[in-house]
Amino acid sequence: MYKMRNGEYMPMNIYTFNNNRNSSEDHIKTLKDIASEHHYNIHIFKYTNKDELVFDLSSHPERADIIFLRISKSKDDEITGLEAAKSLRKLCCHALLIFISANKQLAANTFPTFPFYFFYLKYLTLEQFEPVYLKALSLAERRRNNLFQCGSGADEHYIPLNDIYYFEIFQRITTVYHSNTSFSFYMSMSRLEKELTPKGFLRIHRSFLINMRHIDQITDRTVRLTNGFTLPIGTTYLSQVRKMLSQLKIYTL
């Protein structure tokens, strides 16, 4: 299980689309039972309307870890559920997609969405389903550990650690600077430092925690990052910074 916000274990987010309400409930129970048995913490969001699924993920597509989609061909030849998957991929949703269908000929249609797995419903058994689901949970967990989660509710953000340049704290508000934008939230710098130091971050000042992947140049008192920002090295942290960076052989006067 992965630990992200406030040092707590956060559940993996599993989304399901199934326009058959009866089979949907059985499917949800199976997902919960297997996850519980293997000590995975999950949160399931179920949908019977594909447009609602896409809409809810459109603002934060990175929230989804795994998406199960029951697909079938409608009378007008539209493949219900597949269009939702295509729309989510266009929104840069990188969740693991698992398709379930009573029509095995639809498997080839799912290839453009880079599916994790396709289940043919006619021969689907628990013995076949469980190992695939557990493999998806394991992979999703590893991927989630490479994200930083902050904020809450509608203002919740998932940011790839590699995209983060640095964190700054000012008057109890922490701001993360990543890519070409920033986001502010409440979290103490000490808690942030404890969680992210093992992942390649370094405290250089009482107000700054930097991503060592983005160090461009070091002087005796400053660090310049690859985004062009120059940050001061606090006197209290100077020896710690020198020691760490000398081990990495990137410290220069």
Protein backbone atom coordinates (compact mmCIF):
# COMPACT_ATOMS: atom_id res chain seq x y z
CA MET A 1 0.00 0.00 0.00
CA TYR A 2 1.29 3.44 -0.82
CA LYS A 3 1.72 6.29 1.59
CA MET A 4 1.19 9.78 0.26
CA ARG A 5 -0.89 12.49 1.86
CA ASN A 6 -0.29 13.38 5.51
CA GLY A 7 1.63 10.15 5.98
CA GLU A 8 -1.55 8.10 5.65
CA TYR A 9 -2.15 5.16 3.37
CA MET A 10 -4.28 6.35 0.48
CA PRO A 11 -6.56 3.95 -1.42
CA MET A 12 -6.06 3.13 -5.06
CA ASN A 13 -8.91 4.43 -7.19
CA ILE A 14 -10.74 1.85 -9.28
CA TYR A 15 -13.41 2.98 -11.75
CA THR A 16 -15.93 0.62 -13.30
CA PHE A 17 -18.32 1.05 -16.21
CA ASN A 18 -21.09 -1.50 -16.64
CA ASN A 19 -24.55 -0.69 -17.98
CA ASN A 20 -25.86 -3.97 -16.55
CA ARG A 21 -26.72 -3.02 -12.97
CA ASN A 22 -27.16 -6.59 -11.68
CA SER A 23 -23.82 -7.93 -12.89
CA SER A 24 -22.20 -4.65 -11.82
CA GLU A 25 -22.96 -5.30 -8.15
CA ASP A 26 -21.50 -8.81 -8.32
CA HIS A 27 -18.40 -7.45 -10.01
CA ILE A 28 -17.93 -4.75 -7.36
CA LYS A 29 -18.16 -7.34 -4.58
CA THR A 30 -15.53 -9.51 -6.26
CA LEU A 31 -13.15 -6.55 -6.60
CA LYS A 32 -13.56 -5.65 -2.94
CA ASP A 33 -13.21 -9.22 -1.66
CA ILE A 34 -9.99 -9.95 -3.58
CA ALA A 35 -8.42 -6.62 -2.65
CA SER A 36 -9.27 -7.09 1.02
CA GLU A 37 -7.92 -10.65 1.08
CA HIS A 38 -4.58 -9.43 -0.28
CA HIS A 39 -4.45 -6.29 1.88
CA TYR A 40 -4.95 -3.70 -0.84
CA ASN A 41 -6.77 -0.51 0.11
CA ILE A 42 -9.10 0.46 -2.74
CA HIS A 43 -11.84 2.96 -3.44
CA ILE A 44 -14.35 1.97 -6.14
CA PHE A 45 -16.32 4.43 -8.29
CA LYS A 46 -19.03 2.71 -10.32
CA TYR A 47 -20.78 4.05 -13.42
CA THR A 48 -23.58 2.85 -15.66
CA ASN A 49 -23.29 5.90 -17.93
CA LYS A 50 -20.10 6.22 -19.98
CA ASP A 51 -20.45 9.97 -20.44
CA GLU A 52 -20.60 10.53 -16.69
CA LEU A 53 -17.42 8.48 -16.27
CA VAL A 54 -15.55 10.60 -18.81
CA PHE A 55 -16.91 13.84 -17.39
CA ASP A 56 -15.93 13.00 -13.82
CA LEU A 57 -12.36 12.15 -14.85
CA SER A 58 -11.95 14.97 -17.37
CA SER A 59 -10.56 17.50 -14.88
CA HIS A 60 -8.26 15.04 -13.08
CA PRO A 61 -7.70 11.98 -15.30
CA GLU A 62 -4.69 11.00 -13.19
CA ARG A 63 -7.00 10.04 -10.30
CA ALA A 64 -7.86 6.70 -11.87
CA ASP A 65 -5.50 3.79 -11.22
CA ILE A 66 -7.51 0.99 -12.83
CA ILE A 67 -10.63 1.19 -15.01
CA PHE A 68 -12.85 -1.81 -15.75
CA LEU A 69 -15.08 -1.39 -18.80
CA ARG A 70 -17.86 -3.77 -19.85
CA ILE A 71 -18.12 -3.32 -23.60
CA SER A 72 -20.69 -4.46 -26.14
CA LYS A 73 -21.80 -3.49 -29.63
CA SER A 74 -25.03 -1.48 -29.83
CA LYS A 75 -27.62 -1.56 -32.62
CA ASP A 76 -25.95 1.38 -34.36
CA ASP A 77 -22.59 -0.47 -34.25
CA GLU A 78 -21.17 1.77 -31.55
CA ILE A 79 -19.08 -0.18 -29.06
CA THR A 80 -20.44 0.93 -25.71
CA GLY A 81 -17.66 1.64 -23.26
CA LEU A 82 -14.86 1.65 -25.84
CA GLU A 83 -15.57 5.24 -26.86
CA ALA A 84 -15.25 6.22 -23.20
CA ALA A 85 -11.84 4.54 -23.09
CA LYS A 86 -10.71 6.40 -26.21
CA SER A 87 -11.91 9.71 -24.77
CA LEU A 88 -10.03 9.08 -21.52
CA ARG A 89 -6.81 8.31 -23.39
CA LYS A 90 -7.17 11.61 -25.26
CA LEU A 91 -7.42 13.30 -21.86
CA CYS A 92 -4.05 11.72 -20.95
CA CYS A 93 -5.58 9.22 -18.57
CA HIS A 94 -2.90 6.57 -18.06
CA ALA A 95 -4.95 4.21 -15.91
CA LEU A 96 -4.76 0.47 -16.54
CA LEU A 97 -7.73 -0.42 -18.75
CA ILE A 98 -9.33 -3.84 -18.32
CA PHE A 99 -12.11 -4.72 -20.76
CA ILE A 100 -14.80 -7.35 -20.22
CA SER A 101 -17.08 -8.45 -23.05
CA ALA A 102 -19.38 -11.25 -24.16
CA ASN A 103 -18.14 -10.64 -27.71
CA LYS A 104 -14.55 -11.85 -28.12
CA GLN A 105 -14.33 -10.26 -31.58
CA LEU A 106 -14.24 -6.84 -29.90
CA ALA A 107 -10.81 -7.54 -28.43
CA ALA A 108 -9.01 -6.17 -31.50
CA ASN A 109 -11.01 -2.94 -31.30
CA THR A 110 -9.54 -2.19 -27.89
CA PHE A 111 -5.90 -2.24 -29.07
CA PRO A 112 -5.68 1.53 -29.85
CA THR A 113 -6.39 2.24 -26.16
CA PHE A 114 -3.43 0.09 -25.01
CA PRO A 115 -5.48 -2.19 -22.74
CA PHE A 116 -3.97 -4.02 -19.80
CA TYR A 117 -6.22 -7.04 -20.39
CA PHE A 118 -9.33 -8.24 -22.23
CA PHE A 119 -11.61 -10.81 -20.60
CA TYR A 120 -13.98 -12.92 -22.69
CA LEU A 121 -17.03 -13.16 -20.45
CA LYS A 122 -18.20 -16.58 -21.66
CA TYR A 123 -15.19 -18.38 -20.18
CA LEU A 124 -14.35 -15.97 -17.37
CA THR A 125 -13.78 -17.64 -14.01
CA LEU A 126 -12.57 -16.35 -10.68
CA GLU A 127 -9.39 -18.43 -11.10
CA GLN A 128 -8.67 -16.61 -14.35
CA PHE A 129 -9.70 -13.17 -13.14
CA GLU A 130 -7.93 -13.01 -9.77
CA PRO A 131 -4.26 -13.22 -10.88
CA VAL A 132 -4.79 -10.59 -13.57
CA TYR A 133 -6.53 -8.26 -11.12
CA LEU A 134 -3.77 -8.74 -8.54
CA LYS A 135 -1.11 -8.01 -11.15
CA ALA A 136 -2.97 -4.82 -12.07
CA LEU A 137 -3.17 -3.78 -8.41
CA SER A 138 0.54 -4.40 -7.95
CA LEU A 139 1.48 -2.39 -11.04
CA ALA A 140 -0.92 0.43 -10.18
CA GLU A 141 0.57 0.61 -6.69
CA ARG A 142 4.09 0.98 -8.09
CA ARG A 143 2.95 3.66 -10.50
CA ARG A 144 1.11 5.53 -7.75
CA ASN A 145 4.28 5.62 -5.67
CA ASN A 146 5.83 7.78 -8.38
CA LEU A 147 3.16 10.44 -7.89
CA PHE A 148 2.79 13.12 -5.26
CA GLN A 149 -0.76 13.62 -4.04
CA CYS A 150 -1.87 16.89 -2.48
CA GLY A 151 -5.02 18.91 -1.93
CA SER A 152 -8.41 17.33 -1.38
CA GLY A 153 -11.81 16.90 -2.96
CA ALA A 154 -12.28 18.75 -6.23
CA ASP A 155 -8.92 20.44 -5.67
CA GLU A 156 -6.95 17.21 -5.37
CA HIS A 157 -3.80 16.91 -7.50
CA TYR A 158 -1.58 14.00 -8.51
CA ILE A 159 1.82 15.19 -9.75
CA PRO A 160 4.58 12.98 -11.19
CA LEU A 161 7.60 13.28 -8.91
CA ASN A 162 9.89 13.77 -11.90
CA ASP A 163 7.94 16.91 -12.88
CA ILE A 164 8.44 18.62 -9.51
CA TYR A 165 11.24 21.20 -9.22
CA TYR A 166 10.86 22.21 -5.59
CA PHE A 167 8.56 22.91 -2.65
CA GLU A 168 8.38 26.19 -0.80
CA ILE A 169 6.70 26.85 2.54
CA PHE A 170 5.55 30.32 3.60
CA GLN A 171 3.29 31.10 6.55
CA ARG A 172 2.21 27.44 6.91
CA ILE A 173 1.25 27.17 3.23
CA THR A 174 3.32 24.84 1.05
CA THR A 175 3.60 25.44 -2.69
CA VAL A 176 4.80 22.82 -5.15
CA TYR A 177 6.42 24.10 -8.35
CA HIS A 178 6.18 21.66 -11.23
CA SER A 179 6.32 21.80 -15.01
CA ASN A 180 5.19 25.34 -15.80
CA THR A 181 2.78 25.84 -12.94
CA SER A 182 2.36 25.68 -9.16
CA PHE A 183 -0.17 24.58 -6.56
CA SER A 184 -0.53 25.52 -2.89
CA PHE A 185 -1.78 23.27 -0.09
CA TYR A 186 -1.41 22.66 3.65
CA MET A 187 1.37 20.32 4.79
CA SER A 188 4.32 20.87 7.10
CA MET A 189 7.78 20.95 5.56
CA SER A 190 9.06 18.42 8.09
CA ARG A 191 6.40 15.90 7.06
CA LEU A 192 7.09 16.59 3.41
CA GLU A 193 10.82 16.15 3.94
CA LYS A 194 10.31 12.83 5.74
CA GLU A 195 8.15 11.45 2.94
CA LEU A 196 10.18 12.67 -0.03
CA THR A 197 13.82 12.48 1.06
CA PRO A 198 13.93 8.74 0.21
CA LYS A 199 12.61 9.64 -3.25
CA GLY A 200 15.42 12.00 -4.23
CA PHE A 201 14.44 15.29 -2.59
CA LEU A 202 16.79 17.43 -0.47
CA ARG A 203 16.07 20.08 2.16
CA ILE A 204 18.36 23.06 1.45
CA HIS A 205 16.65 25.76 3.52
CA ARG A 206 13.93 26.03 6.13
CA SER A 207 11.65 27.13 3.29
CA PHE A 208 12.84 24.94 0.40
CA LEU A 209 12.86 21.25 -0.48
CA ILE A 210 14.31 20.57 -3.94
CA ASN A 211 14.20 17.70 -6.40
CA MET A 212 17.81 16.62 -6.93
CA ARG A 213 16.93 15.40 -10.43
CA HIS A 214 16.54 19.05 -11.45
CA ILE A 215 19.78 20.47 -10.05
CA ASP A 216 21.56 22.40 -12.81
CA GLN A 217 24.36 24.17 -10.93
CA ILE A 218 25.59 24.55 -7.34
CA THR A 219 27.54 27.43 -5.84
CA ASP A 220 28.68 27.90 -2.26
CA ARG A 221 25.34 29.38 -1.20
CA THR A 222 22.82 28.74 -3.96
CA VAL A 223 21.28 26.00 -6.07
CA ARG A 224 20.15 26.67 -9.62
CA LEU A 225 17.49 24.34 -10.99
CA THR A 226 16.83 23.26 -14.55
CA ASN A 227 13.85 25.63 -14.75
CA GLY A 228 16.21 28.58 -14.20
CA PHE A 229 15.19 29.28 -10.60
CA THR A 230 18.01 29.97 -8.13
CA LEU A 231 17.34 29.14 -4.48
CA PRO A 232 19.43 29.95 -1.39
CA ILE A 233 21.10 27.29 0.76
CA GLY A 234 20.36 28.00 4.42
CA THR A 235 23.29 28.19 6.83
CA THR A 236 21.76 25.45 8.99
CA TYR A 237 21.56 23.09 6.01
CA LEU A 238 24.89 23.95 4.36
CA SER A 239 26.93 21.03 5.70
CA GLN A 240 24.07 18.59 5.04
CA VAL A 241 23.74 19.82 1.46
CA ARG A 242 27.51 19.65 0.85
CA LYS A 243 27.68 16.12 2.21
CA MET A 244 24.80 14.87 0.11
CA LEU A 245 25.88 16.56 -3.10
CA SER A 246 29.52 15.56 -2.73
CA GLN A 247 28.38 11.95 -2.51
CA LEU A 248 26.60 12.51 -5.81
CA LYS A 249 29.68 14.31 -7.19
CA ILE A 250 27.72 17.36 -8.32
CA TYR A 251 28.87 19.90 -5.71
CA THR A 252 31.17 22.67 -6.90
CA LEU A 253 32.28 25.88 -5.27
